[in-house]
Amino acid sequence: MSSPLKAHALHAEAQTHPGAARVGIGGPVGSGKTRLLEQLIPRFIARGIELAIITNDLATREDAERVQRSGLIDPQRVRAVETGACPHTAIREDPTLNLQMADELEAR
């Protein structure tokens, strides 16, 4: 299935699965994605919004570990996906690991 068809299928599935909103933050290495999360987490929590975080990286868990150590969120609510390839490409081609992890976190 091509990427546009996958995206359409995933969007259609999301419409039939009510539950947590899922938001992706993407950008180049060093662009401030993790820093943005560190700024957003307290704001969401102050509004009573429960959240979980899934980070994606080529071969490390560095960003997930940074958020876990921050004390801003229960470390059990943070997961890391090591994509083994460029995270943007890996997610676009096959988001399965991210979707499974999101489902697992939402079930908690």
N, C-alpha and C. Protein backbone atom coordinates (compact mmCIF):
# COMPACT_ATOMS: atom_id res chain seq x y z
N MET A 1 0.86 -1.17 0.00
CA MET A 1 0.00 0.00 0.00
C MET A 1 0.90 1.23 0.00
N SER A 2 0.63 2.18 -0.86
CA SER A 2 1.45 3.39 -0.94
C SER A 2 1.22 4.27 0.29
N SER A 3 2.15 5.18 0.54
CA SER A 3 2.05 6.04 1.72
C SER A 3 0.76 6.85 1.78
N PRO A 4 0.31 7.49 0.66
CA PRO A 4 -0.96 8.23 0.74
C PRO A 4 -2.13 7.32 1.09
N LEU A 5 -2.12 6.11 0.55
CA LEU A 5 -3.20 5.17 0.87
C LEU A 5 -3.12 4.73 2.33
N LYS A 6 -1.89 4.50 2.82
CA LYS A 6 -1.72 4.15 4.23
C LYS A 6 -2.23 5.27 5.12
N ALA A 7 -1.85 6.49 4.79
CA ALA A 7 -2.28 7.64 5.59
C ALA A 7 -3.80 7.74 5.61
N HIS A 8 -4.42 7.54 4.46
CA HIS A 8 -5.89 7.60 4.38
C HIS A 8 -6.51 6.48 5.22
N ALA A 9 -5.94 5.28 5.14
CA ALA A 9 -6.46 4.15 5.91
C ALA A 9 -6.31 4.41 7.41
N LEU A 10 -5.17 4.96 7.81
CA LEU A 10 -4.95 5.25 9.22
C LEU A 10 -5.90 6.34 9.70
N HIS A 11 -6.13 7.35 8.87
CA HIS A 11 -7.07 8.41 9.23
C HIS A 11 -8.47 7.83 9.40
N ALA A 12 -8.87 6.97 8.48
CA ALA A 12 -10.20 6.35 8.56
C ALA A 12 -10.32 5.51 9.83
N GLU A 13 -9.25 4.78 10.16
CA GLU A 13 -9.28 3.96 11.37
C GLU A 13 -9.38 4.84 12.61
N ALA A 14 -8.67 5.95 12.63
CA ALA A 14 -8.70 6.85 13.78
C ALA A 14 -10.11 7.39 14.00
N GLN A 15 -10.84 7.61 12.93
CA GLN A 15 -12.20 8.13 13.05
C GLN A 15 -13.14 7.12 13.70
N THR A 16 -12.82 5.83 13.58
CA THR A 16 -13.69 4.80 14.15
C THR A 16 -13.21 4.34 15.51
N HIS A 17 -12.06 4.85 15.97
CA HIS A 17 -11.51 4.48 17.28
C HIS A 17 -11.44 5.70 18.17
N PRO A 18 -12.52 6.02 18.87
CA PRO A 18 -12.43 7.16 19.77
C PRO A 18 -11.42 6.86 20.88
N GLY A 19 -10.78 7.85 21.36
CA GLY A 19 -9.80 7.65 22.42
C GLY A 19 -8.90 8.86 22.49
N ALA A 20 -7.70 8.61 22.91
CA ALA A 20 -6.74 9.69 23.10
C ALA A 20 -6.39 10.36 21.78
N ALA A 21 -6.23 11.66 21.83
CA ALA A 21 -5.71 12.39 20.67
C ALA A 21 -4.24 12.05 20.54
N ARG A 22 -3.77 11.92 19.33
CA ARG A 22 -2.37 11.61 19.08
C ARG A 22 -1.77 12.72 18.25
N VAL A 23 -0.70 13.30 18.78
CA VAL A 23 -0.07 14.45 18.14
C VAL A 23 1.39 14.11 17.86
N GLY A 24 1.85 14.38 16.66
CA GLY A 24 3.24 14.14 16.31
C GLY A 24 4.00 15.45 16.22
N ILE A 25 5.22 15.44 16.73
CA ILE A 25 6.10 16.60 16.62
C ILE A 25 7.33 16.13 15.85
N GLY A 26 7.58 16.72 14.72
CA GLY A 26 8.71 16.31 13.89
C GLY A 26 9.61 17.48 13.57
N GLY A 27 10.82 17.17 13.19
CA GLY A 27 11.76 18.21 12.80
C GLY A 27 13.17 17.66 12.77
N PRO A 28 14.10 18.43 12.24
CA PRO A 28 15.49 18.00 12.15
C PRO A 28 16.13 17.82 13.52
N VAL A 29 17.23 17.08 13.54
CA VAL A 29 18.01 16.89 14.76
C VAL A 29 18.39 18.26 15.31
N GLY A 30 18.19 18.45 16.61
CA GLY A 30 18.59 19.69 17.26
C GLY A 30 17.63 20.85 17.07
N SER A 31 16.46 20.59 16.52
CA SER A 31 15.53 21.69 16.25
C SER A 31 14.68 22.09 17.45
N GLY A 32 14.75 21.31 18.55
CA GLY A 32 14.02 21.69 19.76
C GLY A 32 12.76 20.89 20.04
N LYS A 33 12.62 19.72 19.43
CA LYS A 33 11.42 18.90 19.65
C LYS A 33 11.28 18.47 21.11
N THR A 34 12.36 17.97 21.68
CA THR A 34 12.31 17.52 23.07
C THR A 34 12.13 18.71 24.01
N ARG A 35 12.78 19.80 23.72
CA ARG A 35 12.62 21.02 24.53
C ARG A 35 11.17 21.50 24.48
N LEU A 36 10.54 21.43 23.32
CA LEU A 36 9.14 21.80 23.19
C LEU A 36 8.28 20.90 24.08
N LEU A 37 8.56 19.60 24.06
CA LEU A 37 7.82 18.68 24.94
C LEU A 37 7.98 19.08 26.40
N GLU A 38 9.20 19.42 26.79
CA GLU A 38 9.45 19.81 28.18
C GLU A 38 8.67 21.07 28.56
N GLN A 39 8.39 21.91 27.60
CA GLN A 39 7.58 23.10 27.86
C GLN A 39 6.08 22.78 27.88
N LEU A 40 5.66 21.85 27.04
CA LEU A 40 4.24 21.51 26.93
C LEU A 40 3.74 20.62 28.06
N ILE A 41 4.56 19.69 28.53
CA ILE A 41 4.12 18.72 29.55
C ILE A 41 3.48 19.41 30.75
N PRO A 42 4.15 20.37 31.41
CA PRO A 42 3.53 21.00 32.58
C PRO A 42 2.22 21.72 32.25
N ARG A 43 2.15 22.29 31.07
CA ARG A 43 0.92 23.00 30.68
C ARG A 43 -0.25 22.04 30.50
N PHE A 44 0.01 20.90 29.88
CA PHE A 44 -1.04 19.89 29.73
C PHE A 44 -1.47 19.36 31.10
N ILE A 45 -0.50 19.03 31.94
CA ILE A 45 -0.81 18.47 33.26
C ILE A 45 -1.59 19.48 34.09
N ALA A 46 -1.24 20.77 34.02
CA ALA A 46 -1.95 21.81 34.76
C ALA A 46 -3.42 21.89 34.34
N ARG A 47 -3.71 21.49 33.14
CA ARG A 47 -5.10 21.50 32.64
C ARG A 47 -5.79 20.16 32.85
N GLY A 48 -5.13 19.26 33.56
CA GLY A 48 -5.73 17.96 33.85
C GLY A 48 -5.71 16.99 32.68
N ILE A 49 -4.85 17.26 31.71
CA ILE A 49 -4.76 16.40 30.54
C ILE A 49 -3.73 15.31 30.80
N GLU A 50 -4.16 14.06 30.71
CA GLU A 50 -3.24 12.93 30.85
C GLU A 50 -2.49 12.77 29.53
N LEU A 51 -1.21 12.45 29.62
CA LEU A 51 -0.46 12.27 28.39
C LEU A 51 0.59 11.19 28.53
N ALA A 52 1.03 10.73 27.39
CA ALA A 52 2.12 9.78 27.27
C ALA A 52 2.97 10.25 26.10
N ILE A 53 4.21 9.84 26.09
CA ILE A 53 5.13 10.31 25.06
C ILE A 53 5.85 9.12 24.43
N ILE A 54 5.93 9.15 23.11
CA ILE A 54 6.70 8.16 22.36
C ILE A 54 7.72 8.93 21.54
N THR A 55 9.00 8.64 21.78
CA THR A 55 10.04 9.29 20.99
C THR A 55 10.52 8.32 19.91
N ASN A 56 11.05 8.86 18.85
CA ASN A 56 11.59 8.06 17.75
C ASN A 56 12.99 8.54 17.46
N ASP A 57 13.92 7.59 17.33
CA ASP A 57 15.29 7.94 17.00
C ASP A 57 15.90 6.79 16.21
N LEU A 58 16.95 7.11 15.50
CA LEU A 58 17.62 6.12 14.67
C LEU A 58 18.09 4.92 15.48
N ALA A 59 18.85 5.15 16.54
CA ALA A 59 19.43 4.03 17.27
C ALA A 59 19.64 4.28 18.75
N THR A 60 19.02 5.32 19.31
CA THR A 60 19.20 5.60 20.73
C THR A 60 17.86 5.84 21.40
N ARG A 61 17.89 5.86 22.72
CA ARG A 61 16.72 6.16 23.52
C ARG A 61 16.95 7.49 24.26
N GLU A 62 17.89 8.26 23.77
CA GLU A 62 18.36 9.47 24.46
C GLU A 62 17.24 10.45 24.81
N ASP A 63 16.38 10.76 23.85
CA ASP A 63 15.32 11.73 24.11
C ASP A 63 14.31 11.20 25.12
N ALA A 64 13.95 9.93 25.00
CA ALA A 64 13.01 9.34 25.96
C ALA A 64 13.61 9.35 27.36
N GLU A 65 14.88 9.00 27.47
CA GLU A 65 15.54 8.99 28.77
C GLU A 65 15.62 10.40 29.36
N ARG A 66 15.85 11.38 28.52
CA ARG A 66 15.89 12.78 28.99
C ARG A 66 14.54 13.18 29.58
N VAL A 67 13.45 12.85 28.89
CA VAL A 67 12.12 13.19 29.39
C VAL A 67 11.82 12.39 30.67
N GLN A 68 12.22 11.13 30.71
CA GLN A 68 11.99 10.32 31.91
C GLN A 68 12.71 10.91 33.11
N ARG A 69 13.94 11.37 32.91
CA ARG A 69 14.73 11.95 34.01
C ARG A 69 14.25 13.33 34.43
N SER A 70 13.50 13.99 33.58
CA SER A 70 13.09 15.38 33.84
C SER A 70 12.20 15.53 35.07
N GLY A 71 11.49 14.46 35.44
CA GLY A 71 10.55 14.55 36.56
C GLY A 71 9.24 15.21 36.19
N LEU A 72 9.06 15.54 34.92
CA LEU A 72 7.84 16.21 34.48
C LEU A 72 6.67 15.25 34.29
N ILE A 73 6.96 13.99 34.08
CA ILE A 73 5.94 13.00 33.78
C ILE A 73 6.40 11.65 34.34
N ASP A 74 5.46 10.81 34.72
CA ASP A 74 5.79 9.48 35.20
C ASP A 74 6.63 8.77 34.13
N PRO A 75 7.83 8.32 34.47
CA PRO A 75 8.69 7.67 33.48
C PRO A 75 8.03 6.48 32.77
N GLN A 76 7.06 5.85 33.42
CA GLN A 76 6.34 4.73 32.79
C GLN A 76 5.46 5.19 31.63
N ARG A 77 5.23 6.50 31.53
CA ARG A 77 4.39 7.06 30.46
C ARG A 77 5.22 7.51 29.26
N VAL A 78 6.51 7.17 29.26
CA VAL A 78 7.41 7.57 28.18
C VAL A 78 8.01 6.31 27.56
N ARG A 79 7.92 6.21 26.24
CA ARG A 79 8.47 5.07 25.52
C ARG A 79 9.35 5.57 24.38
N ALA A 80 10.26 4.72 23.95
CA ALA A 80 11.16 5.06 22.84
C ALA A 80 11.06 4.00 21.75
N VAL A 81 11.02 4.45 20.52
CA VAL A 81 11.09 3.56 19.36
C VAL A 81 12.43 3.83 18.69
N GLU A 82 13.24 2.78 18.57
CA GLU A 82 14.49 2.88 17.82
C GLU A 82 14.16 2.39 16.41
N THR A 83 14.14 3.30 15.46
CA THR A 83 13.65 3.00 14.12
C THR A 83 14.63 2.24 13.25
N GLY A 84 15.94 2.36 13.52
CA GLY A 84 16.93 1.69 12.69
C GLY A 84 17.12 2.38 11.34
N ALA A 85 16.40 3.46 11.12
CA ALA A 85 16.50 4.25 9.89
C ALA A 85 16.09 5.67 10.24
N CYS A 86 16.14 6.54 9.29
CA CYS A 86 15.68 7.91 9.52
C CYS A 86 14.27 7.85 10.10
N PRO A 87 14.05 8.40 11.30
CA PRO A 87 12.73 8.29 11.93
C PRO A 87 11.58 8.79 11.06
N HIS A 88 11.80 9.88 10.34
CA HIS A 88 10.71 10.41 9.51
C HIS A 88 10.31 9.40 8.43
N THR A 89 11.32 8.81 7.80
CA THR A 89 11.05 7.81 6.76
C THR A 89 10.43 6.57 7.35
N ALA A 90 10.96 6.11 8.47
CA ALA A 90 10.45 4.89 9.10
C ALA A 90 8.99 5.04 9.49
N ILE A 91 8.62 6.16 10.05
CA ILE A 91 7.23 6.39 10.47
C ILE A 91 6.32 6.49 9.25
N ARG A 92 6.79 7.18 8.24
CA ARG A 92 5.98 7.34 7.03
C ARG A 92 5.75 5.99 6.34
N GLU A 93 6.79 5.16 6.28
CA GLU A 93 6.68 3.88 5.59
C GLU A 93 5.92 2.83 6.39
N ASP A 94 6.13 2.80 7.70
CA ASP A 94 5.45 1.79 8.52
C ASP A 94 5.32 2.29 9.96
N PRO A 95 4.20 2.89 10.30
CA PRO A 95 4.01 3.43 11.64
C PRO A 95 3.58 2.39 12.68
N THR A 96 3.65 1.11 12.34
CA THR A 96 3.12 0.05 13.20
C THR A 96 3.66 0.11 14.62
N LEU A 97 4.98 0.22 14.80
CA LEU A 97 5.54 0.24 16.16
C LEU A 97 4.99 1.40 16.98
N ASN A 98 4.87 2.56 16.36
CA ASN A 98 4.33 3.71 17.07
C ASN A 98 2.87 3.50 17.43
N LEU A 99 2.10 2.96 16.51
CA LEU A 99 0.68 2.73 16.77
C LEU A 99 0.49 1.70 17.88
N GLN A 100 1.28 0.63 17.85
CA GLN A 100 1.18 -0.38 18.90
C GLN A 100 1.55 0.19 20.26
N MET A 101 2.61 0.99 20.30
CA MET A 101 3.04 1.59 21.56
C MET A 101 1.98 2.56 22.07
N ALA A 102 1.39 3.34 21.17
CA ALA A 102 0.34 4.28 21.57
C ALA A 102 -0.86 3.53 22.12
N ASP A 103 -1.25 2.44 21.47
CA ASP A 103 -2.37 1.63 21.96
C ASP A 103 -2.07 1.07 23.35
N GLU A 104 -0.83 0.60 23.54
CA GLU A 104 -0.42 0.05 24.83
C GLU A 104 -0.48 1.11 25.93
N LEU A 105 0.04 2.29 25.64
CA LEU A 105 0.02 3.37 26.63
C LEU A 105 -1.40 3.84 26.92
N GLU A 106 -2.23 3.89 25.90
CA GLU A 106 -3.61 4.33 26.09
C GLU A 106 -4.40 3.33 26.94
N ALA A 107 -4.06 2.06 26.85
CA ALA A 107 -4.76 1.03 27.61
C ALA A 107 -4.44 1.09 29.10
N ARG A 108 -3.35 1.76 29.47
CA ARG A 108 -2.94 1.83 30.89
C ARG A 108 -3.79 2.78 31.66
